[in-house]
Amino acid sequence: MKLNTIGIGGFFRVSSALVIVGLLLEIVSLLWFSPLSFVLFAFVAASLIGLGILVYLASLVFAAVPASENRE
C-alpha cells in the first residue's frame, strides 16, 4: 500500500489522535504526584506529541499529488 493511497485525511486522523493522547497523558501526569509522573510527562507524552507532529509534517510531503499527475 502506497502512502499516496492513504490520503491526507488518514494522516490527519492519525496525527490528531497521537497529539490528543499525548495531551491527555500530560494532563494525567500533572494531576498524579509520583516520581513516575515525570517519566510519563517527559518521555511518553512528549514523544507521542512529537510523533503526531512528525506524522502531520509527513502528510504534507507524502500525501500531496504531484503536479505531473494532475494535468490532462
N, C-alpha and C. Protein backbone atom coordinates (compact mmCIF):
# COMPACT_ATOMS: atom_id res chain seq x y z
N MET A 1 0.84 -1.18 0.00
CA MET A 1 0.00 0.00 0.00
C MET A 1 0.89 1.24 0.00
N LYS A 2 0.66 2.08 -0.95
CA LYS A 2 1.45 3.30 -1.05
C LYS A 2 0.93 4.36 -0.09
N LEU A 3 1.80 5.28 0.27
CA LEU A 3 1.40 6.37 1.16
C LEU A 3 0.42 7.31 0.49
N ASN A 4 0.48 7.43 -0.85
CA ASN A 4 -0.44 8.31 -1.55
C ASN A 4 -1.87 7.79 -1.50
N THR A 5 -2.06 6.47 -1.38
CA THR A 5 -3.41 5.92 -1.37
C THR A 5 -4.10 6.13 -0.03
N ILE A 6 -3.34 6.36 1.03
CA ILE A 6 -3.94 6.59 2.35
C ILE A 6 -4.71 7.91 2.34
N GLY A 7 -4.16 8.90 1.71
CA GLY A 7 -4.81 10.20 1.65
C GLY A 7 -4.43 11.08 2.82
N ILE A 8 -4.62 12.34 2.61
CA ILE A 8 -4.22 13.30 3.63
C ILE A 8 -5.14 13.24 4.85
N GLY A 9 -6.40 12.83 4.65
CA GLY A 9 -7.32 12.71 5.78
C GLY A 9 -6.90 11.64 6.76
N GLY A 10 -6.37 10.54 6.25
CA GLY A 10 -5.89 9.47 7.12
C GLY A 10 -4.69 9.91 7.95
N PHE A 11 -3.79 10.65 7.31
CA PHE A 11 -2.65 11.19 8.05
C PHE A 11 -3.11 12.16 9.13
N PHE A 12 -4.09 13.00 8.80
CA PHE A 12 -4.58 13.96 9.79
C PHE A 12 -5.25 13.27 10.97
N ARG A 13 -5.99 12.20 10.70
CA ARG A 13 -6.62 11.46 11.79
C ARG A 13 -5.59 10.83 12.71
N VAL A 14 -4.57 10.24 12.14
CA VAL A 14 -3.53 9.59 12.95
C VAL A 14 -2.76 10.63 13.75
N SER A 15 -2.38 11.73 13.11
CA SER A 15 -1.60 12.74 13.83
C SER A 15 -2.42 13.42 14.91
N SER A 16 -3.68 13.69 14.65
CA SER A 16 -4.50 14.32 15.68
C SER A 16 -4.76 13.36 16.84
N ALA A 17 -4.91 12.07 16.56
CA ALA A 17 -5.09 11.10 17.64
C ALA A 17 -3.84 11.02 18.51
N LEU A 18 -2.68 11.03 17.89
CA LEU A 18 -1.43 10.98 18.67
C LEU A 18 -1.27 12.22 19.55
N VAL A 19 -1.57 13.39 19.02
CA VAL A 19 -1.44 14.62 19.80
C VAL A 19 -2.45 14.65 20.93
N ILE A 20 -3.68 14.21 20.68
CA ILE A 20 -4.72 14.22 21.73
C ILE A 20 -4.36 13.24 22.84
N VAL A 21 -3.89 12.04 22.48
CA VAL A 21 -3.49 11.07 23.51
C VAL A 21 -2.30 11.61 24.31
N GLY A 22 -1.36 12.25 23.64
CA GLY A 22 -0.23 12.84 24.35
C GLY A 22 -0.65 13.93 25.31
N LEU A 23 -1.58 14.77 24.89
CA LEU A 23 -2.06 15.84 25.78
C LEU A 23 -2.84 15.27 26.97
N LEU A 24 -3.63 14.23 26.74
CA LEU A 24 -4.35 13.61 27.85
C LEU A 24 -3.39 12.97 28.85
N LEU A 25 -2.33 12.34 28.35
CA LEU A 25 -1.32 11.78 29.25
C LEU A 25 -0.59 12.86 30.03
N GLU A 26 -0.37 14.00 29.42
CA GLU A 26 0.26 15.11 30.16
C GLU A 26 -0.66 15.64 31.24
N ILE A 27 -1.94 15.71 30.97
CA ILE A 27 -2.90 16.16 32.00
C ILE A 27 -2.91 15.17 33.16
N VAL A 28 -2.93 13.88 32.84
CA VAL A 28 -2.93 12.86 33.90
C VAL A 28 -1.64 12.94 34.71
N SER A 29 -0.51 13.14 34.05
CA SER A 29 0.75 13.19 34.78
C SER A 29 0.86 14.44 35.65
N LEU A 30 0.20 15.53 35.27
CA LEU A 30 0.23 16.73 36.10
C LEU A 30 -0.65 16.57 37.34
N LEU A 31 -1.66 15.73 37.26
CA LEU A 31 -2.54 15.51 38.42
C LEU A 31 -2.04 14.41 39.35
N TRP A 32 -1.07 13.64 38.90
CA TRP A 32 -0.56 12.49 39.63
C TRP A 32 0.74 12.88 40.31
N PHE A 33 0.83 12.70 41.63
CA PHE A 33 2.02 13.09 42.39
C PHE A 33 2.88 11.85 42.67
N SER A 34 3.80 11.60 41.78
CA SER A 34 4.70 10.45 41.90
C SER A 34 5.93 10.73 41.03
N PRO A 35 7.06 10.12 41.38
CA PRO A 35 8.22 10.29 40.50
C PRO A 35 8.00 9.73 39.09
N LEU A 36 7.15 8.74 38.97
CA LEU A 36 6.86 8.18 37.66
C LEU A 36 6.03 9.13 36.79
N SER A 37 5.39 10.10 37.41
CA SER A 37 4.61 11.05 36.62
C SER A 37 5.52 11.91 35.75
N PHE A 38 6.73 12.19 36.22
CA PHE A 38 7.67 12.93 35.39
C PHE A 38 8.10 12.11 34.18
N VAL A 39 8.31 10.82 34.37
CA VAL A 39 8.67 9.94 33.26
C VAL A 39 7.53 9.90 32.24
N LEU A 40 6.32 9.80 32.73
CA LEU A 40 5.16 9.80 31.84
C LEU A 40 5.05 11.11 31.09
N PHE A 41 5.27 12.21 31.78
CA PHE A 41 5.17 13.53 31.16
C PHE A 41 6.29 13.77 30.15
N ALA A 42 7.53 13.53 30.58
CA ALA A 42 8.68 13.93 29.78
C ALA A 42 8.96 12.99 28.62
N PHE A 43 8.76 11.72 28.82
CA PHE A 43 9.16 10.78 27.79
C PHE A 43 7.99 10.25 26.97
N VAL A 44 6.97 9.75 27.62
CA VAL A 44 5.87 9.11 26.89
C VAL A 44 4.98 10.15 26.21
N ALA A 45 4.47 11.09 26.97
CA ALA A 45 3.53 12.06 26.41
C ALA A 45 4.21 12.99 25.42
N ALA A 46 5.39 13.46 25.75
CA ALA A 46 6.10 14.34 24.81
C ALA A 46 6.49 13.61 23.54
N SER A 47 6.81 12.33 23.65
CA SER A 47 7.13 11.54 22.45
C SER A 47 5.90 11.35 21.57
N LEU A 48 4.74 11.14 22.17
CA LEU A 48 3.52 10.99 21.38
C LEU A 48 3.17 12.29 20.67
N ILE A 49 3.32 13.40 21.34
CA ILE A 49 3.04 14.69 20.70
C ILE A 49 4.04 14.95 19.58
N GLY A 50 5.31 14.66 19.82
CA GLY A 50 6.32 14.83 18.78
C GLY A 50 6.07 13.92 17.59
N LEU A 51 5.65 12.69 17.84
CA LEU A 51 5.33 11.77 16.75
C LEU A 51 4.12 12.25 15.96
N GLY A 52 3.13 12.82 16.66
CA GLY A 52 1.98 13.38 15.96
C GLY A 52 2.37 14.54 15.06
N ILE A 53 3.28 15.36 15.52
CA ILE A 53 3.76 16.47 14.71
C ILE A 53 4.52 15.95 13.49
N LEU A 54 5.34 14.92 13.69
CA LEU A 54 6.09 14.35 12.57
C LEU A 54 5.18 13.69 11.54
N VAL A 55 4.11 13.02 11.99
CA VAL A 55 3.16 12.43 11.05
C VAL A 55 2.44 13.52 10.27
N TYR A 56 2.11 14.62 10.93
CA TYR A 56 1.48 15.74 10.23
C TYR A 56 2.41 16.31 9.17
N LEU A 57 3.67 16.50 9.52
CA LEU A 57 4.62 17.03 8.54
C LEU A 57 4.86 16.05 7.40
N ALA A 58 4.86 14.76 7.71
CA ALA A 58 5.00 13.75 6.66
C ALA A 58 3.79 13.76 5.74
N SER A 59 2.62 14.07 6.28
CA SER A 59 1.42 14.13 5.43
C SER A 59 1.52 15.26 4.42
N LEU A 60 2.19 16.32 4.78
CA LEU A 60 2.36 17.42 3.83
C LEU A 60 3.26 17.03 2.67
N VAL A 61 4.19 16.09 2.93
CA VAL A 61 5.13 15.68 1.90
C VAL A 61 4.58 14.52 1.07
N PHE A 62 4.08 13.48 1.72
CA PHE A 62 3.73 12.24 1.02
C PHE A 62 2.33 12.22 0.45
N ALA A 63 1.40 12.94 1.02
CA ALA A 63 0.02 12.87 0.54
C ALA A 63 -0.27 13.89 -0.55
N ALA A 64 0.67 14.74 -0.87
CA ALA A 64 0.46 15.74 -1.91
C ALA A 64 0.49 15.07 -3.28
N VAL A 65 -0.39 15.50 -4.15
CA VAL A 65 -0.43 14.97 -5.51
C VAL A 65 0.59 15.73 -6.34
N PRO A 66 1.49 15.02 -7.00
CA PRO A 66 2.47 15.70 -7.85
C PRO A 66 1.79 16.45 -9.00
N ALA A 67 2.42 17.53 -9.44
CA ALA A 67 1.82 18.36 -10.46
C ALA A 67 1.71 17.62 -11.80
N SER A 68 2.60 16.68 -12.09
CA SER A 68 2.55 15.97 -13.35
C SER A 68 1.36 15.03 -13.44
N GLU A 69 0.86 14.49 -12.32
CA GLU A 69 -0.31 13.61 -12.33
C GLU A 69 -1.60 14.40 -12.41
N ASN A 70 -1.57 15.66 -12.08
CA ASN A 70 -2.77 16.48 -12.02
C ASN A 70 -3.19 17.00 -13.40
N ARG A 71 -2.31 16.96 -14.37
CA ARG A 71 -2.59 17.51 -15.70
C ARG A 71 -3.21 16.45 -16.59
N GLU A 72 -4.04 16.91 -17.53
CA GLU A 72 -4.63 16.02 -18.52
C GLU A 72 -4.57 16.63 -19.87
